[in-house]
Protein backbone atom coordinates (compact mmCIF):
# COMPACT_ATOMS: atom_id res chain seq x y z
CA UNK A 1 116.95 73.74 119.90
CA UNK A 2 113.19 73.29 119.52
CA UNK A 3 111.22 70.18 120.41
CA UNK A 4 107.77 70.71 119.71
CA UNK A 5 107.39 71.36 115.81
CA UNK A 6 103.59 72.23 116.08
CA UNK A 7 104.13 75.07 118.46
CA UNK A 8 102.77 77.72 116.24
CA UNK A 9 99.66 79.71 115.38
CA UNK A 10 98.91 78.32 112.03
CA UNK A 11 98.85 74.73 110.97
CA UNK A 12 100.26 75.00 107.45
CA UNK A 13 103.85 73.63 106.93
CA UNK A 14 106.09 71.66 104.58
CA UNK A 15 107.86 68.86 105.42
CA UNK A 16 110.96 66.74 103.40
CA UNK A 17 113.60 64.27 103.98
CA UNK A 18 117.08 66.10 103.19
CA UNK A 19 117.57 63.57 100.64
CA UNK A 20 114.30 64.43 98.87
CA UNK A 21 115.08 65.82 95.39
CA UNK A 22 111.66 67.58 95.76
CA UNK A 23 112.74 70.00 98.39
CA UNK A 24 114.93 72.67 96.79
CA UNK A 25 112.00 73.73 93.97
CA UNK A 26 109.02 73.13 96.35
CA UNK A 27 110.33 74.99 99.17
CA UNK A 28 111.62 77.78 97.19
CA UNK A 29 108.15 78.38 95.63
CA UNK A 30 106.80 78.20 99.24
CA UNK A 31 109.34 81.16 100.38
CA UNK A 32 108.47 83.00 97.64
CA UNK A 33 104.84 82.53 98.24
CA UNK A 34 105.24 83.22 102.06
CA UNK A 35 107.79 85.77 102.32
CA UNK A 36 106.75 89.33 101.46
CA UNK A 37 108.94 91.40 99.26
CA UNK A 38 108.33 95.07 100.82
CA UNK A 39 110.38 94.12 104.27
CA UNK A 40 114.12 93.08 105.29
CA UNK A 41 114.23 89.47 105.22
CA UNK A 42 116.29 88.38 108.08
CA UNK A 43 117.27 84.45 109.31
CA UNK A 44 118.00 83.71 112.79
CA UNK A 45 120.11 80.43 112.70
CA UNK A 46 119.82 79.27 116.29
CA UNK A 47 122.22 76.92 117.99
CA UNK A 48 125.85 76.28 119.53
CA UNK A 49 128.81 74.58 118.08
CA UNK A 50 129.43 73.07 121.43
CA UNK A 51 126.90 70.26 120.67
CA UNK A 52 126.59 68.55 117.24
CA UNK A 53 122.83 68.07 116.90
CA UNK A 54 122.40 71.92 118.16
CA UNK A 55 124.97 73.10 115.51
CA UNK A 56 122.28 72.76 112.84
CA UNK A 57 121.36 76.76 113.03
CA UNK A 58 125.14 77.99 112.89
CA UNK A 59 126.21 75.49 110.52
CA UNK A 60 123.64 76.96 108.19
CA UNK A 61 124.12 80.40 109.19
CA UNK A 62 127.72 79.85 108.32
CA UNK A 63 127.15 78.30 104.93
CA UNK A 64 125.00 81.07 104.08
CA UNK A 65 127.52 83.90 104.93
CA UNK A 66 129.63 81.93 102.29
CA UNK A 67 127.27 82.43 100.06
CA UNK A 68 126.88 85.91 100.19
CA UNK A 69 123.28 86.34 99.82
CA UNK A 70 121.93 89.88 97.98
CA UNK A 71 118.68 89.99 99.48
CA UNK A 72 118.48 88.63 103.02
CA UNK A 73 120.40 89.28 106.33
CA UNK A 74 121.91 86.14 108.26
CA UNK A 75 122.37 86.08 112.15
CA UNK A 76 123.83 83.27 113.60
CA UNK A 77 127.01 81.34 112.94
CA UNK A 78 129.70 79.09 113.84
CA UNK A 79 131.97 81.97 114.57
CA UNK A 80 129.14 84.15 115.90
CA UNK A 81 126.42 81.99 116.95
CA UNK A 82 122.93 83.13 118.53
CA UNK A 83 121.90 81.05 121.30
CA UNK A 84 119.88 80.99 125.14
CA UNK A 85 122.64 83.62 126.42
CA UNK A 86 122.53 86.25 123.61
CA UNK A 87 119.05 85.47 122.11
CA UNK A 88 116.86 88.61 123.43
CA UNK A 89 119.78 90.97 122.68
CA UNK A 90 120.01 90.04 119.23
CA UNK A 91 116.71 90.18 118.43
CA UNK A 92 116.34 93.82 119.80
CA UNK A 93 119.40 94.49 117.67
CA UNK A 94 117.55 93.22 114.43
CA UNK A 95 114.33 94.91 115.34
CA UNK A 96 116.37 98.17 115.55
CA UNK A 97 118.87 97.92 112.40
CA UNK A 98 116.02 96.78 110.05
CA UNK A 99 113.18 97.74 108.45
CA UNK A 100 110.07 96.04 109.69
CA UNK A 101 112.24 92.67 109.49
CA UNK A 102 110.33 89.45 108.25
CA UNK A 103 112.27 87.09 110.43
CA UNK A 104 112.65 83.42 109.75
CA UNK A 105 113.71 81.35 112.92
CA UNK A 106 116.18 78.02 112.58
CA UNK A 107 116.91 75.63 114.53
CA UNK A 108 117.29 72.21 115.25
CA UNK A 109 114.73 69.77 116.81
CA UNK A 110 114.16 66.44 118.37
CA UNK A 111 111.17 64.35 116.98
CA UNK A 112 110.03 60.50 116.16
CA UNK A 113 112.53 58.01 114.71
CA UNK A 114 111.17 58.09 111.46
CA UNK A 115 111.00 61.62 111.10
CA UNK A 116 114.96 62.23 111.87
CA UNK A 117 116.38 63.77 108.65
CA UNK A 118 112.86 65.38 108.15
CA UNK A 119 113.18 69.65 107.42
CA UNK A 120 110.17 71.47 108.33
CA UNK A 121 109.16 74.64 106.59
CA UNK A 122 106.09 76.25 109.14
CA UNK A 123 103.92 79.12 109.72
CA UNK A 124 104.84 80.73 113.12
CA UNK A 125 107.57 81.02 115.02
CA UNK A 126 110.00 78.53 116.46
CA UNK A 127 110.53 78.13 120.38
CA UNK A 128 113.91 77.39 121.05
CA UNK A 129 114.77 75.65 124.34
CA UNK A 130 111.76 73.99 124.49
CA UNK A 131 113.40 70.45 124.82
CA UNK A 132 115.60 71.19 127.54
CA UNK A 133 112.47 73.46 129.32
CA UNK A 134 114.14 76.69 129.05
CA UNK A 135 112.26 80.11 128.79
CA UNK A 136 113.37 81.75 125.49
CA UNK A 137 111.48 84.68 123.34
CA UNK A 138 109.61 83.12 119.92
CA UNK A 139 111.52 83.33 116.72
CA UNK A 140 110.08 84.25 113.39
CA UNK A 141 107.23 84.66 111.53
CA UNK A 142 107.95 81.26 110.06
CA UNK A 143 110.38 78.79 110.96
CA UNK A 144 112.81 76.20 109.55
CA UNK A 145 113.56 73.15 111.59
CA UNK A 146 115.85 70.16 110.76
CA UNK A 147 114.79 67.00 112.87
CA UNK A 148 118.43 65.88 113.90
CA UNK A 149 117.81 62.97 116.93
CA UNK A 150 115.14 61.39 118.55
CA UNK A 151 113.32 62.92 121.26
CA UNK A 152 112.11 61.61 124.77
CA UNK A 153 114.81 61.20 127.04
CA UNK A 154 117.75 62.63 128.29
CA UNK A 155 117.74 65.42 125.51
CA UNK A 156 121.16 67.26 126.46
CA UNK A 157 122.74 63.59 125.90
CA UNK A 158 121.06 62.75 122.73
CA UNK A 159 121.92 65.98 121.30
CA UNK A 160 125.61 65.88 122.15
CA UNK A 161 125.95 62.45 120.48
CA UNK A 162 124.13 63.44 117.32
CA UNK A 163 126.39 62.27 114.03
CA UNK A 164 127.60 65.40 113.04
CA UNK A 165 127.53 64.11 109.19
CA UNK A 166 123.68 64.01 109.17
CA UNK A 167 123.58 67.86 110.72
CA UNK A 168 125.88 68.95 108.12
CA UNK A 169 124.17 67.38 105.00
CA UNK A 170 121.05 69.03 106.17
CA UNK A 171 122.34 72.41 106.59
CA UNK A 172 124.15 71.89 103.02
CA UNK A 173 120.57 71.45 101.62
CA UNK A 174 118.72 74.03 103.57
CA UNK A 175 121.59 76.42 102.66
CA UNK A 176 121.11 75.55 99.24
CA UNK A 177 117.51 76.45 99.29
CA UNK A 178 117.90 79.61 101.05
CA UNK A 179 120.47 80.48 98.23
CA UNK A 180 117.87 79.67 95.53
CA UNK A 181 115.52 81.65 97.40
CA UNK A 182 117.67 84.57 97.22
CA UNK A 183 118.57 84.06 93.76
CA UNK A 184 114.81 84.23 92.94
CA UNK A 185 114.47 87.66 94.55
CA UNK A 186 117.34 89.05 92.95
CA UNK A 187 115.80 87.76 89.72
CA UNK A 188 112.22 89.18 90.36
CA UNK A 189 113.56 92.23 91.36
CA UNK A 190 115.65 92.81 88.05
CA UNK A 191 112.31 91.68 86.02
CA UNK A 192 110.56 94.50 88.02
CA UNK A 193 113.02 97.20 87.06
CA UNK A 194 113.30 96.06 83.49
CA UNK A 195 109.45 96.21 83.29
CA UNK A 196 109.53 99.71 84.88
CA UNK A 197 112.41 101.15 82.13
CA UNK A 198 109.96 99.46 79.67
CA UNK A 199 107.27 101.25 80.57
CA UNK A 200 109.07 104.77 81.07
CA UNK A 201 110.57 104.10 77.43
CA UNK A 202 107.65 103.93 75.75
CA UNK A 203 105.90 106.60 77.45
CA UNK A 204 108.68 109.32 76.45
CA UNK A 205 108.42 107.29 72.69
CA UNK A 206 105.05 108.77 72.38
CA UNK A 207 106.29 112.25 73.42
CA UNK A 208 107.14 114.79 70.53
CA UNK A 209 109.26 117.35 71.50
CA UNK A 210 107.99 121.17 70.01
CA UNK A 211 110.04 122.72 67.22
CA UNK A 212 110.94 126.23 67.83
């Protein structure tokens, strides 16, 4: 779980409340602009199902697993969570398994009262464990975090007593957005392949075989 939402190398970020109707289209477009097409796209959903507040990541991972994405690899679900104990091992596995992976780090965070319910997409890695003073590896080239509750006092207690309904609704909105992004990737790939086929067809059409 990440507390400080501005710990990244660049300041560019988008913030939306999970009930904002503009979130899906805008965030999908931003992902298309930021995420390179020539690398394996990997989403690492950090957290644990032992804490309602910290289940934001694994809930997203589980929802995405059910959607059977075509272009994105997902790590971290309710069944197989990615957390403090196995995070370094999972990151090493990802580097060994995927071709130059582009990692999107997903995690819960705490913030101001006015920010609760916000979903943040920003440049730079997520820093899991910052709220509870744990030294864990940075995750991702960009991060996607959800402000699930208020920071400042007894973070463990706050996370344990976060409303599951809020976390679930936020997770559903994020999963829907990532699914939309995955569909856009599939569409772009299909269009690109069609253009290549059309170009090849035109070239072959100009060629006339020599009669014997």
